[in-house]
Amino acid sequence: MYPEEVAASVVEGIRSNGPSILTHAEIRDEVRENYKAFDAAVPGNPWIPRARQALEDNRRKVVSRLRALPVKD
């Protein structure tokens, strides 16, 4: 890719507030494999201790609000 193409992809990734900015399609297979490994590493038990539930609820709200913030040029 030319630097201008990478720059355009980065700007678009920032504007869309995506979780990652990936500029080269040829890494798709590696990304999928890494995601599978990452997903498999997450503990299978979704139980959250009562003492931590409010913290987790608040964390999810904050992350949701951060993702919803408008992007400014």
N, C-alpha and C. Protein backbone atom coordinates (compact mmCIF):
# COMPACT_ATOMS: atom_id res chain seq x y z
N MET A 1 0.84 -1.18 0.00
CA MET A 1 0.00 0.00 0.00
C MET A 1 0.89 1.25 0.00
N TYR A 2 0.39 2.24 -0.64
CA TYR A 2 1.05 3.54 -0.60
C TYR A 2 0.73 4.22 0.73
N PRO A 3 1.63 5.06 1.21
CA PRO A 3 1.39 5.75 2.50
C PRO A 3 0.04 6.48 2.54
N GLU A 4 -0.37 7.04 1.43
CA GLU A 4 -1.65 7.76 1.39
C GLU A 4 -2.83 6.81 1.63
N GLU A 5 -2.71 5.58 1.13
CA GLU A 5 -3.77 4.59 1.34
C GLU A 5 -3.83 4.14 2.79
N VAL A 6 -2.65 3.94 3.39
CA VAL A 6 -2.61 3.58 4.81
C VAL A 6 -3.21 4.71 5.64
N ALA A 7 -2.81 5.94 5.33
CA ALA A 7 -3.33 7.09 6.07
C ALA A 7 -4.85 7.17 5.97
N ALA A 8 -5.39 6.96 4.77
CA ALA A 8 -6.84 7.01 4.59
C ALA A 8 -7.52 5.91 5.41
N SER A 9 -6.93 4.71 5.45
CA SER A 9 -7.49 3.62 6.26
C SER A 9 -7.46 3.95 7.75
N VAL A 10 -6.38 4.55 8.19
CA VAL A 10 -6.25 4.93 9.60
C VAL A 10 -7.28 5.99 9.96
N VAL A 11 -7.41 7.01 9.12
CA VAL A 11 -8.40 8.07 9.39
C VAL A 11 -9.81 7.47 9.42
N GLU A 12 -10.13 6.60 8.48
CA GLU A 12 -11.45 5.98 8.46
C GLU A 12 -11.67 5.12 9.71
N GLY A 13 -10.64 4.40 10.13
CA GLY A 13 -10.74 3.58 11.34
C GLY A 13 -10.99 4.42 12.58
N ILE A 14 -10.34 5.57 12.65
CA ILE A 14 -10.56 6.48 13.78
C ILE A 14 -11.97 7.04 13.73
N ARG A 15 -12.38 7.48 12.56
CA ARG A 15 -13.72 8.06 12.44
C ARG A 15 -14.83 7.05 12.74
N SER A 16 -14.63 5.81 12.38
CA SER A 16 -15.67 4.80 12.62
C SER A 16 -15.60 4.25 14.04
N ASN A 17 -14.57 4.66 14.80
CA ASN A 17 -14.42 4.24 16.20
C ASN A 17 -14.39 2.72 16.33
N GLY A 18 -13.75 2.07 15.37
CA GLY A 18 -13.65 0.62 15.40
C GLY A 18 -12.70 0.14 16.48
N PRO A 19 -12.74 -1.16 16.79
CA PRO A 19 -11.88 -1.69 17.84
C PRO A 19 -10.42 -1.81 17.42
N SER A 20 -10.17 -1.87 16.12
CA SER A 20 -8.81 -1.99 15.58
C SER A 20 -8.76 -1.32 14.22
N ILE A 21 -7.56 -0.98 13.81
CA ILE A 21 -7.35 -0.45 12.47
C ILE A 21 -6.41 -1.40 11.76
N LEU A 22 -6.94 -2.10 10.80
CA LEU A 22 -6.15 -3.06 10.03
C LEU A 22 -6.08 -2.55 8.60
N THR A 23 -4.87 -2.44 8.08
CA THR A 23 -4.69 -1.81 6.78
C THR A 23 -4.39 -2.78 5.65
N HIS A 24 -4.12 -4.04 5.97
CA HIS A 24 -3.74 -4.99 4.94
C HIS A 24 -4.63 -6.24 5.00
N ALA A 25 -5.38 -6.47 3.94
CA ALA A 25 -6.33 -7.58 3.89
C ALA A 25 -5.65 -8.94 3.97
N GLU A 26 -4.39 -9.03 3.57
CA GLU A 26 -3.72 -10.33 3.53
C GLU A 26 -3.48 -10.93 4.92
N ILE A 27 -3.71 -10.17 5.98
CA ILE A 27 -3.54 -10.74 7.33
C ILE A 27 -4.84 -11.30 7.90
N ARG A 28 -5.90 -11.30 7.10
CA ARG A 28 -7.22 -11.74 7.58
C ARG A 28 -7.17 -13.12 8.23
N ASP A 29 -6.50 -14.09 7.60
CA ASP A 29 -6.46 -15.44 8.16
C ASP A 29 -5.77 -15.46 9.52
N GLU A 30 -4.66 -14.72 9.66
CA GLU A 30 -3.97 -14.66 10.95
C GLU A 30 -4.83 -13.99 12.01
N VAL A 31 -5.56 -12.96 11.63
CA VAL A 31 -6.45 -12.28 12.57
C VAL A 31 -7.52 -13.25 13.06
N ARG A 32 -8.09 -14.02 12.15
CA ARG A 32 -9.12 -15.00 12.54
C ARG A 32 -8.54 -16.03 13.50
N GLU A 33 -7.36 -16.55 13.20
CA GLU A 33 -6.73 -17.53 14.07
C GLU A 33 -6.41 -16.94 15.44
N ASN A 34 -5.90 -15.73 15.46
CA ASN A 34 -5.60 -15.08 16.74
C ASN A 34 -6.87 -14.84 17.54
N TYR A 35 -7.96 -14.46 16.86
CA TYR A 35 -9.22 -14.24 17.57
C TYR A 35 -9.72 -15.55 18.17
N LYS A 36 -9.62 -16.62 17.42
CA LYS A 36 -10.05 -17.93 17.95
C LYS A 36 -9.27 -18.28 19.22
N ALA A 37 -7.95 -18.05 19.18
CA ALA A 37 -7.11 -18.34 20.34
C ALA A 37 -7.47 -17.42 21.51
N PHE A 38 -7.71 -16.15 21.22
CA PHE A 38 -8.09 -15.19 22.24
C PHE A 38 -9.43 -15.59 22.87
N ASP A 39 -10.40 -15.94 22.03
CA ASP A 39 -11.72 -16.33 22.51
C ASP A 39 -11.64 -17.60 23.35
N ALA A 40 -10.80 -18.54 22.94
CA ALA A 40 -10.64 -19.79 23.70
C ALA A 40 -10.00 -19.55 25.06
N ALA A 41 -9.23 -18.47 25.20
CA ALA A 41 -8.55 -18.18 26.46
C ALA A 41 -9.47 -17.54 27.50
N VAL A 42 -10.64 -17.06 27.08
CA VAL A 42 -11.58 -16.45 28.02
C VAL A 42 -12.19 -17.55 28.88
N PRO A 43 -12.19 -17.38 30.19
CA PRO A 43 -12.77 -18.41 31.06
C PRO A 43 -14.22 -18.70 30.67
N GLY A 44 -14.60 -19.95 30.77
CA GLY A 44 -15.93 -20.37 30.35
C GLY A 44 -17.03 -20.07 31.34
N ASN A 45 -16.69 -19.80 32.58
CA ASN A 45 -17.70 -19.56 33.60
C ASN A 45 -18.04 -18.07 33.64
N PRO A 46 -19.26 -17.68 33.21
CA PRO A 46 -19.60 -16.25 33.20
C PRO A 46 -20.06 -15.70 34.55
N TRP A 47 -20.01 -16.50 35.59
CA TRP A 47 -20.47 -16.07 36.91
C TRP A 47 -19.61 -14.93 37.43
N ILE A 48 -20.25 -13.89 37.94
CA ILE A 48 -19.56 -12.74 38.52
C ILE A 48 -19.97 -12.66 39.99
N PRO A 49 -18.99 -12.58 40.90
CA PRO A 49 -19.33 -12.47 42.32
C PRO A 49 -20.21 -11.24 42.58
N ARG A 50 -21.14 -11.37 43.48
CA ARG A 50 -22.08 -10.29 43.79
C ARG A 50 -21.35 -8.99 44.14
N ALA A 51 -20.25 -9.09 44.86
CA ALA A 51 -19.51 -7.90 45.28
C ALA A 51 -18.90 -7.15 44.09
N ARG A 52 -18.71 -7.84 42.98
CA ARG A 52 -18.10 -7.21 41.82
C ARG A 52 -19.11 -6.83 40.74
N GLN A 53 -20.36 -7.22 40.88
CA GLN A 53 -21.36 -7.00 39.85
C GLN A 53 -21.55 -5.52 39.52
N ALA A 54 -21.64 -4.67 40.53
CA ALA A 54 -21.83 -3.23 40.29
C ALA A 54 -20.63 -2.66 39.54
N LEU A 55 -19.44 -3.09 39.89
CA LEU A 55 -18.24 -2.64 39.18
C LEU A 55 -18.29 -3.05 37.70
N GLU A 56 -18.67 -4.28 37.44
CA GLU A 56 -18.77 -4.77 36.06
C GLU A 56 -19.85 -4.03 35.28
N ASP A 57 -20.98 -3.79 35.92
CA ASP A 57 -22.06 -3.04 35.25
C ASP A 57 -21.60 -1.64 34.88
N ASN A 58 -20.89 -0.99 35.81
CA ASN A 58 -20.38 0.36 35.55
C ASN A 58 -19.32 0.34 34.45
N ARG A 59 -18.44 -0.66 34.48
CA ARG A 59 -17.40 -0.78 33.45
C ARG A 59 -18.03 -0.90 32.07
N ARG A 60 -19.05 -1.72 31.96
CA ARG A 60 -19.73 -1.90 30.67
C ARG A 60 -20.38 -0.60 30.19
N LYS A 61 -20.98 0.14 31.11
CA LYS A 61 -21.58 1.43 30.75
C LYS A 61 -20.54 2.42 30.26
N VAL A 62 -19.41 2.48 30.96
CA VAL A 62 -18.34 3.41 30.58
C VAL A 62 -17.80 3.04 29.20
N VAL A 63 -17.53 1.77 28.96
CA VAL A 63 -17.01 1.34 27.66
C VAL A 63 -18.02 1.66 26.57
N SER A 64 -19.28 1.42 26.83
CA SER A 64 -20.32 1.72 25.85
C SER A 64 -20.36 3.21 25.53
N ARG A 65 -20.26 4.04 26.56
CA ARG A 65 -20.26 5.49 26.34
C ARG A 65 -19.03 5.94 25.57
N LEU A 66 -17.89 5.37 25.89
CA LEU A 66 -16.66 5.73 25.17
C LEU A 66 -16.76 5.37 23.70
N ARG A 67 -17.32 4.22 23.40
CA ARG A 67 -17.46 3.80 22.00
C ARG A 67 -18.45 4.68 21.26
N ALA A 68 -19.38 5.28 21.97
CA ALA A 68 -20.41 6.10 21.34
C ALA A 68 -19.99 7.56 21.17
N LEU A 69 -18.84 7.95 21.73
CA LEU A 69 -18.41 9.34 21.60
C LEU A 69 -18.21 9.71 20.14
N PRO A 70 -18.62 10.92 19.77
CA PRO A 70 -18.40 11.35 18.38
C PRO A 70 -16.92 11.59 18.14
N VAL A 71 -16.51 11.35 16.93
CA VAL A 71 -15.13 11.58 16.54
C VAL A 71 -15.04 12.97 15.94
N LYS A 72 -14.04 13.72 16.35
CA LYS A 72 -13.87 15.08 15.83
C LYS A 72 -12.57 15.16 15.06
N ASP A 73 -12.62 15.79 13.93
CA ASP A 73 -11.42 15.98 13.12
C ASP A 73 -10.57 17.08 13.71
